[in-house]
């Protein structure tokens, strides 16, 4: 078999070819509400760890909340 042929997909696969699966491997993280987000390469260079991304986002939330402040809900005006 040539090197090129080994990189092609087979028409069908057997379960044994896929290795041993682990049932429920990510269940705990799923139940905890973990979200995975794909960062663009430029952002990933600046924020290389989970902690740095979360710290930056928390600071952004804090600044945004301070700059906007509480808003009043528009009520209906009485005709008159």
N, C-alpha and C. Protein backbone atom coordinates (compact mmCIF):
# COMPACT_ATOMS: atom_id res chain seq x y z
N UNK A 1 0.85 -1.17 0.00
CA UNK A 1 0.00 0.00 0.00
C UNK A 1 0.90 1.23 0.00
N UNK A 2 0.59 2.19 -0.85
CA UNK A 2 1.40 3.40 -0.92
C UNK A 2 1.02 4.33 0.22
N UNK A 3 1.87 5.33 0.50
CA UNK A 3 1.62 6.28 1.57
C UNK A 3 0.34 7.07 1.29
N UNK A 4 0.08 7.37 0.03
CA UNK A 4 -1.11 8.13 -0.35
C UNK A 4 -2.38 7.35 -0.07
N UNK A 5 -2.37 6.05 -0.30
CA UNK A 5 -3.55 5.21 -0.08
C UNK A 5 -3.91 5.12 1.40
N UNK A 6 -2.91 5.14 2.29
CA UNK A 6 -3.19 5.00 3.72
C UNK A 6 -3.88 6.23 4.29
N UNK A 7 -3.83 7.38 3.61
CA UNK A 7 -4.46 8.61 4.08
C UNK A 7 -5.91 8.74 3.61
N UNK A 8 -6.35 7.85 2.73
CA UNK A 8 -7.71 7.94 2.22
C UNK A 8 -8.68 7.27 3.18
N UNK A 9 -9.92 7.73 3.17
CA UNK A 9 -10.96 7.11 3.99
C UNK A 9 -11.38 5.78 3.39
N UNK A 10 -11.66 4.85 4.25
CA UNK A 10 -12.16 3.56 3.79
C UNK A 10 -13.66 3.69 3.52
N UNK A 11 -14.21 2.84 2.69
CA UNK A 11 -15.65 2.89 2.43
C UNK A 11 -16.46 2.54 3.68
N UNK A 12 -15.91 1.74 4.60
CA UNK A 12 -16.61 1.42 5.84
C UNK A 12 -15.59 1.12 6.93
N UNK A 13 -15.99 1.30 8.16
CA UNK A 13 -15.13 1.04 9.30
C UNK A 13 -15.80 0.02 10.21
N UNK A 14 -14.98 -0.74 10.90
CA UNK A 14 -15.50 -1.66 11.90
C UNK A 14 -15.35 -1.00 13.26
N UNK A 15 -16.18 -1.36 14.21
CA UNK A 15 -16.13 -0.78 15.55
C UNK A 15 -14.74 -0.96 16.17
N UNK A 16 -14.11 -2.07 15.94
CA UNK A 16 -12.78 -2.35 16.49
C UNK A 16 -11.74 -1.35 15.98
N UNK A 17 -11.95 -0.82 14.77
CA UNK A 17 -10.99 0.12 14.19
C UNK A 17 -10.98 1.47 14.91
N UNK A 18 -12.04 1.77 15.66
CA UNK A 18 -12.18 3.08 16.28
C UNK A 18 -11.62 3.16 17.70
N UNK A 19 -11.16 2.05 18.23
CA UNK A 19 -10.59 2.05 19.57
C UNK A 19 -11.66 1.92 20.64
N UNK A 20 -11.20 1.89 21.88
CA UNK A 20 -12.11 1.71 22.99
C UNK A 20 -12.74 3.04 23.39
N UNK A 21 -14.05 3.09 23.42
CA UNK A 21 -14.75 4.30 23.85
C UNK A 21 -14.96 4.28 25.35
N UNK A 22 -15.07 5.47 25.92
CA UNK A 22 -15.32 5.59 27.35
C UNK A 22 -16.67 6.27 27.52
N UNK A 23 -17.64 5.52 28.00
CA UNK A 23 -18.99 6.05 28.16
C UNK A 23 -19.02 7.08 29.28
N UNK A 24 -19.62 8.23 28.99
CA UNK A 24 -19.78 9.28 29.99
C UNK A 24 -18.52 10.07 30.30
N UNK A 25 -17.56 10.04 29.43
CA UNK A 25 -16.26 10.68 29.67
C UNK A 25 -16.41 12.17 30.00
N UNK A 26 -17.33 12.86 29.33
CA UNK A 26 -17.49 14.29 29.51
C UNK A 26 -18.78 14.66 30.23
N UNK A 27 -19.46 13.69 30.81
CA UNK A 27 -20.76 13.93 31.43
C UNK A 27 -20.67 14.92 32.59
N UNK A 28 -19.69 14.77 33.46
CA UNK A 28 -19.57 15.66 34.61
C UNK A 28 -19.36 17.11 34.18
N UNK A 29 -18.50 17.33 33.21
CA UNK A 29 -18.27 18.69 32.71
C UNK A 29 -19.52 19.24 32.03
N UNK A 30 -20.24 18.40 31.33
CA UNK A 30 -21.47 18.82 30.68
C UNK A 30 -22.51 19.25 31.71
N UNK A 31 -22.65 18.47 32.75
CA UNK A 31 -23.62 18.81 33.80
C UNK A 31 -23.21 20.06 34.55
N UNK A 32 -21.93 20.33 34.64
CA UNK A 32 -21.45 21.52 35.33
C UNK A 32 -21.67 22.77 34.49
N UNK A 33 -22.02 22.59 33.23
CA UNK A 33 -22.30 23.72 32.37
C UNK A 33 -21.07 24.28 31.69
N UNK A 34 -20.07 23.47 31.51
CA UNK A 34 -18.85 23.91 30.86
C UNK A 34 -19.11 24.23 29.40
N UNK A 35 -18.62 25.37 28.96
CA UNK A 35 -18.73 25.75 27.55
C UNK A 35 -17.33 25.80 26.96
N UNK A 36 -17.21 25.29 25.78
CA UNK A 36 -15.94 25.38 25.07
C UNK A 36 -16.08 26.45 24.01
N UNK A 37 -15.06 27.29 23.90
CA UNK A 37 -15.08 28.38 22.95
C UNK A 37 -13.78 28.33 22.16
N UNK A 38 -13.88 28.47 20.87
CA UNK A 38 -12.70 28.48 20.01
C UNK A 38 -12.22 29.92 19.86
N UNK A 39 -11.00 30.19 20.30
CA UNK A 39 -10.43 31.53 20.18
C UNK A 39 -9.70 31.65 18.86
N UNK A 40 -9.74 32.84 18.29
CA UNK A 40 -8.98 33.06 17.07
C UNK A 40 -7.50 33.01 17.43
N UNK A 41 -6.64 32.70 16.49
CA UNK A 41 -5.20 32.59 16.78
C UNK A 41 -4.61 33.86 17.40
N UNK A 42 -5.04 35.04 16.96
CA UNK A 42 -4.51 36.29 17.51
C UNK A 42 -4.91 36.45 18.98
N UNK A 43 -6.14 36.11 19.30
CA UNK A 43 -6.61 36.21 20.69
C UNK A 43 -5.89 35.18 21.55
N UNK A 44 -5.71 33.98 21.03
CA UNK A 44 -5.06 32.90 21.78
C UNK A 44 -3.60 33.24 22.10
N UNK A 45 -2.95 34.04 21.27
CA UNK A 45 -1.57 34.45 21.56
C UNK A 45 -1.52 35.35 22.78
N UNK A 46 -2.53 36.19 22.94
CA UNK A 46 -2.56 37.13 24.06
C UNK A 46 -3.06 36.44 25.33
N UNK A 47 -4.10 35.64 25.19
CA UNK A 47 -4.71 34.95 26.33
C UNK A 47 -4.46 33.46 26.17
N UNK A 48 -3.35 33.00 26.68
CA UNK A 48 -2.93 31.62 26.42
C UNK A 48 -3.47 30.61 27.42
N UNK A 49 -4.11 31.10 28.51
CA UNK A 49 -4.65 30.17 29.50
C UNK A 49 -6.12 30.46 29.76
N UNK A 50 -6.81 29.48 30.28
CA UNK A 50 -8.22 29.62 30.65
C UNK A 50 -8.38 30.74 31.68
N UNK A 51 -7.46 30.80 32.63
CA UNK A 51 -7.53 31.81 33.68
C UNK A 51 -7.40 33.21 33.12
N UNK A 52 -6.51 33.42 32.16
CA UNK A 52 -6.31 34.76 31.61
C UNK A 52 -7.53 35.22 30.80
N UNK A 53 -8.15 34.30 30.09
CA UNK A 53 -9.36 34.63 29.33
C UNK A 53 -10.48 35.01 30.29
N UNK A 54 -10.69 34.20 31.32
CA UNK A 54 -11.77 34.48 32.27
C UNK A 54 -11.54 35.77 33.03
N UNK A 55 -10.30 36.05 33.42
CA UNK A 55 -10.00 37.30 34.14
C UNK A 55 -10.31 38.51 33.26
N UNK A 56 -9.91 38.44 32.00
CA UNK A 56 -10.16 39.56 31.08
C UNK A 56 -11.65 39.76 30.86
N UNK A 57 -12.39 38.69 30.71
CA UNK A 57 -13.83 38.80 30.49
C UNK A 57 -14.54 39.34 31.74
N UNK A 58 -14.09 38.92 32.91
CA UNK A 58 -14.69 39.45 34.15
C UNK A 58 -14.45 40.95 34.27
N UNK A 59 -13.24 41.39 33.93
CA UNK A 59 -12.93 42.82 33.98
C UNK A 59 -13.78 43.59 32.97
N UNK A 60 -13.96 43.03 31.79
CA UNK A 60 -14.78 43.67 30.77
C UNK A 60 -16.23 43.80 31.24
N UNK A 61 -16.75 42.77 31.86
CA UNK A 61 -18.11 42.81 32.39
C UNK A 61 -18.23 43.90 33.44
N UNK A 62 -17.25 43.97 34.33
CA UNK A 62 -17.27 44.98 35.39
C UNK A 62 -17.26 46.39 34.82
N UNK A 63 -16.39 46.65 33.85
CA UNK A 63 -16.31 47.97 33.22
C UNK A 63 -17.61 48.29 32.50
N UNK A 64 -18.16 47.33 31.80
CA UNK A 64 -19.40 47.56 31.06
C UNK A 64 -20.55 47.87 32.01
N UNK A 65 -20.63 47.16 33.11
CA UNK A 65 -21.70 47.41 34.07
C UNK A 65 -21.56 48.78 34.73
N UNK A 66 -20.34 49.21 35.01
CA UNK A 66 -20.13 50.52 35.61
C UNK A 66 -20.44 51.64 34.64
N UNK A 67 -20.10 51.44 33.37
CA UNK A 67 -20.30 52.51 32.39
C UNK A 67 -21.77 52.67 32.00
N UNK A 68 -22.51 51.60 32.01
CA UNK A 68 -23.92 51.66 31.63
C UNK A 68 -24.76 52.01 32.84
N UNK A 69 -24.49 51.39 33.95
CA UNK A 69 -25.26 51.63 35.16
C UNK A 69 -26.65 51.04 35.03
N UNK A 70 -27.42 51.18 36.09
CA UNK A 70 -28.78 50.63 36.03
C UNK A 70 -29.64 51.43 35.06
N UNK A 71 -30.50 50.74 34.37
CA UNK A 71 -31.39 51.42 33.43
C UNK A 71 -32.81 51.32 33.94
N UNK A 72 -33.60 52.35 33.63
CA UNK A 72 -35.01 52.32 34.00
C UNK A 72 -35.81 51.75 32.85
N UNK A 73 -36.78 50.98 33.21
CA UNK A 73 -37.64 50.39 32.19
C UNK A 73 -38.64 51.44 31.75
N UNK A 74 -38.78 51.59 30.47
CA UNK A 74 -39.71 52.58 29.93
C UNK A 74 -41.14 52.16 30.24
N UNK A 75 -41.87 53.07 30.89
CA UNK A 75 -43.26 52.77 31.24
C UNK A 75 -44.20 53.40 30.23
N UNK A 76 -45.44 53.06 30.34
CA UNK A 76 -46.45 53.64 29.44
C UNK A 76 -46.83 55.02 29.96
N UNK A 77 -46.95 55.94 29.07
CA UNK A 77 -47.37 57.29 29.44
C UNK A 77 -48.90 57.39 29.41
N UNK A 78 -49.40 58.17 30.32
CA UNK A 78 -50.85 58.36 30.34
C UNK A 78 -51.24 59.37 29.28
N UNK A 79 -52.28 59.07 28.58
CA UNK A 79 -52.79 59.99 27.55
C UNK A 79 -53.43 61.17 28.27
N UNK A 80 -53.18 62.37 27.79
CA UNK A 80 -53.84 63.42 28.51
C UNK A 80 -53.46 64.72 28.14
